[in-house]
Protein backbone atom coordinates (compact mmCIF):
# COMPACT_ATOMS: atom_id res chain seq x y z
CA MET A 1 2.41 -6.51 20.96
CA THR A 2 -1.51 -7.94 20.25
CA VAL A 3 -2.35 -11.22 19.84
CA ALA A 4 -2.71 -11.66 16.19
CA MET A 5 0.63 -9.41 15.98
CA GLU A 6 2.32 -12.87 17.87
CA THR A 7 0.61 -14.89 16.07
CA ILE A 8 2.00 -13.61 12.86
CA ARG A 9 5.44 -13.73 14.06
CA SER A 10 5.20 -17.40 14.90
CA LEU A 11 4.31 -18.31 11.68
CA ARG A 12 7.40 -17.15 10.25
CA ALA A 13 9.32 -19.23 8.40
CA VAL A 14 12.25 -16.69 8.96
CA THR A 15 14.32 -14.32 10.89
CA PRO A 16 13.26 -10.80 10.05
CA GLN A 17 16.31 -9.49 8.45
CA ASN A 18 16.55 -7.90 5.01
CA THR A 19 12.66 -5.47 4.24
CA ILE A 20 12.26 -5.68 0.86
CA ILE A 21 8.52 -4.12 0.99
CA GLU A 22 7.54 -1.87 4.25
CA ALA A 23 4.12 -0.36 4.12
CA GLN A 24 3.12 1.64 7.29
CA HIS A 25 0.21 2.92 8.24
CA VAL A 26 -1.21 2.31 4.56
CA GLY A 27 -4.94 3.46 3.68
CA GLN A 28 -6.15 3.90 0.22
CA ARG A 29 -9.81 5.93 0.06
CA PHE A 30 -11.77 6.87 -3.26
CA THR A 31 -14.74 8.95 -4.08
CA ALA A 32 -17.67 8.11 -5.49
CA ASP A 33 -19.72 9.39 -8.17
CA ASN A 34 -22.42 11.10 -5.70
CA GLY A 35 -19.20 12.58 -3.78
CA THR A 36 -19.17 9.95 -0.57
CA GLU A 37 -16.08 8.50 0.08
CA LEU A 38 -15.06 5.63 0.08
CA THR A 39 -12.36 3.87 2.54
CA VAL A 40 -10.89 0.34 0.85
CA PHE A 41 -8.81 0.07 3.80
CA ASP A 42 -6.85 2.28 6.31
CA ASN A 43 -4.13 1.57 8.60
CA ILE A 44 -2.60 -1.56 6.97
CA SER A 45 0.70 -1.27 8.22
CA PHE A 46 3.26 -4.56 6.93
CA ASN A 47 6.59 -5.84 6.36
CA LEU A 48 7.86 -8.54 3.53
CA TYR A 49 11.43 -9.97 4.47
CA GLU A 50 13.44 -11.67 2.45
CA GLY A 51 12.88 -15.04 1.68
CA GLU A 52 9.11 -14.90 2.84
CA ILE A 53 5.82 -16.41 0.89
CA VAL A 54 3.01 -14.18 1.92
CA ALA A 55 -1.01 -14.77 1.06
CA ILE A 56 -3.24 -12.02 1.50
CA LEU A 57 -6.64 -13.10 2.20
CA GLY A 58 -10.22 -11.84 2.50
CA ARG A 59 -13.47 -11.92 1.06
CA SER A 60 -13.92 -10.12 -2.69
CA GLY A 61 -14.45 -6.37 -2.46
CA ALA A 62 -11.77 -6.28 0.21
CA GLY A 63 -9.14 -4.61 -0.80
CA LYS A 64 -6.42 -6.94 -1.29
CA SER A 65 -5.82 -5.65 -5.12
CA THR A 66 -5.98 -2.36 -4.45
CA PHE A 67 -3.24 -3.09 -1.76
CA LEU A 68 -1.35 -5.09 -3.90
CA ARG A 69 -1.61 -2.60 -6.60
CA ALA A 70 -0.52 -0.26 -4.06
CA LEU A 71 2.68 -2.53 -2.65
CA ALA A 72 3.16 -2.24 -6.62
CA GLY A 73 3.21 1.10 -6.89
CA LEU A 74 0.72 1.05 -8.99
CA VAL A 75 -1.49 3.59 -7.07
CA LYS A 76 -0.59 6.18 -4.64
CA PRO A 77 -2.57 5.45 -1.18
CA THR A 78 -3.76 8.47 0.07
CA SER A 79 -2.15 7.75 3.60
CA GLY A 80 0.98 6.05 4.58
CA THR A 81 3.67 4.95 2.79
CA VAL A 82 5.18 2.44 1.24
CA LYS A 83 8.76 2.16 0.75
CA TYR A 84 10.86 -0.35 -1.50
CA ARG A 85 14.14 -1.34 0.02
CA GLY A 86 14.43 1.35 2.37
CA GLU A 87 13.34 3.72 -0.66
CA ALA A 88 9.96 5.52 -0.30
CA LEU A 89 8.09 4.53 -3.49
CA THR A 90 7.12 7.41 -5.96
CA GLY A 91 5.92 5.40 -9.33
CA PRO A 92 5.97 1.48 -9.99
CA ASN A 93 7.99 -0.76 -7.58
CA PRO A 94 11.09 -2.25 -9.86
CA GLY A 95 11.00 -5.21 -7.97
CA ILE A 96 7.54 -6.37 -8.58
CA ALA A 97 5.95 -8.47 -10.79
CA LEU A 98 2.07 -7.98 -10.65
CA VAL A 99 -0.57 -10.16 -12.79
CA PHE A 100 -3.89 -8.55 -12.57
CA GLN A 101 -6.34 -10.67 -11.72
CA THR A 102 -8.62 -9.99 -15.13
CA PHE A 103 -9.30 -13.57 -17.00
CA ALA A 104 -6.35 -12.60 -19.85
CA LEU A 105 -4.88 -15.64 -21.23
CA MET A 106 -6.68 -19.04 -22.32
CA PRO A 107 -6.45 -21.46 -19.62
CA TRP A 108 -6.76 -24.71 -21.74
CA LEU A 109 -2.81 -23.85 -23.35
CA THR A 110 0.55 -23.46 -21.40
CA VAL A 111 2.15 -20.46 -20.86
CA GLN A 112 4.56 -20.72 -23.40
CA ASP A 113 1.56 -21.37 -25.66
CA ASN A 114 -0.33 -18.11 -24.56
CA VAL A 115 2.76 -15.63 -25.16
CA GLU A 116 3.37 -17.53 -28.68
CA ASN A 117 -0.30 -16.74 -29.84
CA GLY A 118 0.37 -13.35 -28.19
CA ILE A 119 3.57 -12.73 -30.28
CA ILE A 120 1.87 -14.58 -33.43
CA LEU A 121 -1.30 -12.13 -32.96
CA LEU A 122 0.64 -9.10 -32.60
CA VAL A 123 2.41 -10.19 -36.36
CA ILE A 124 -0.54 -10.47 -38.01
CA ALA A 125 -1.87 -7.66 -36.04
CA PHE A 126 1.55 -5.20 -37.69
CA LEU A 127 1.19 -6.73 -41.12
CA ILE A 128 -2.52 -6.43 -42.21
CA SER A 129 -2.14 -2.26 -40.32
CA PRO A 130 -1.74 0.55 -42.73
CA TYR A 131 -0.05 2.35 -39.07
CA GLY A 132 2.79 0.82 -38.04
CA LEU A 133 3.50 -1.43 -34.50
CA PRO A 134 1.90 0.74 -32.44
CA MET A 135 -1.66 1.03 -33.66
CA ALA A 136 -1.49 -2.73 -34.46
CA ALA A 137 -0.40 -3.30 -30.75
CA ILE A 138 -3.86 -1.02 -29.76
CA TRP A 139 -6.11 -2.42 -32.33
CA LEU A 140 -5.09 -5.95 -31.63
CA LEU A 141 -5.95 -4.91 -27.84
CA GLY A 142 -9.43 -3.90 -28.55
CA LYS A 143 -10.05 -8.00 -30.61
CA VAL A 144 -8.33 -9.36 -27.79
CA GLN A 145 -11.28 -7.26 -25.07
CA ASP A 146 -13.54 -8.50 -27.16
CA LEU A 147 -12.50 -12.53 -27.54
CA LYS A 148 -11.75 -12.20 -23.22
CA PHE A 149 -15.69 -11.26 -23.18
CA ILE A 150 -16.59 -14.15 -25.83
CA ILE A 151 -14.20 -16.76 -23.59
CA GLN A 152 -15.71 -15.69 -20.47
CA ASP A 153 -19.51 -16.52 -21.88
CA LEU A 154 -18.16 -19.38 -23.01
CA VAL A 155 -16.61 -20.58 -19.66
CA TYR A 156 -18.80 -18.99 -17.27
CA GLY A 157 -22.06 -18.45 -19.46
C-alpha cells in the first residue's frame, strides 16, 4: 500500500461497507481534430461508500468533470469499468444527479425562484409557439443560451 492510499484510508469518516460507486482502472482519451490522442486521465481506481462525502480536487483541465461524467454514466470510459451498486454501467447512472459547471442559473435568485422562472418561461414559449410544447422548449433553450452569454458578459466582463 502506498503512502497516498494509507492517507486516504485514514481520512475516511465511515467504515467501508456498502459500495455505491466503484471505478476500476478507469481512463479517458479523446482524439483531437488533428488526429493526435489526448489522455485526460488514466488508471484511476475509486470507491465511494455509503455515508461518505468526497471532494475531487485538481487544477483546471485535469479531468475532474470528465471523471464525474464517467461515474454518472454520461460518457463511456475508454478503459476500465464503472459500477453502481455492483452492476456495470451501460448508460446514465440511476443514482447520480449531476449539475454541470456551465453558467445556467441566475445567481442572485434562490433555487425556487430559478425553477419558477424556468417554468414561467416555458409556459410563455408554449403560448407564443405555433409548434407545440417540444418546439417551444427547443426555442426557449436557444433564448436561454443567448441570455446566458449576455449575463456572463455583464458579470465577468
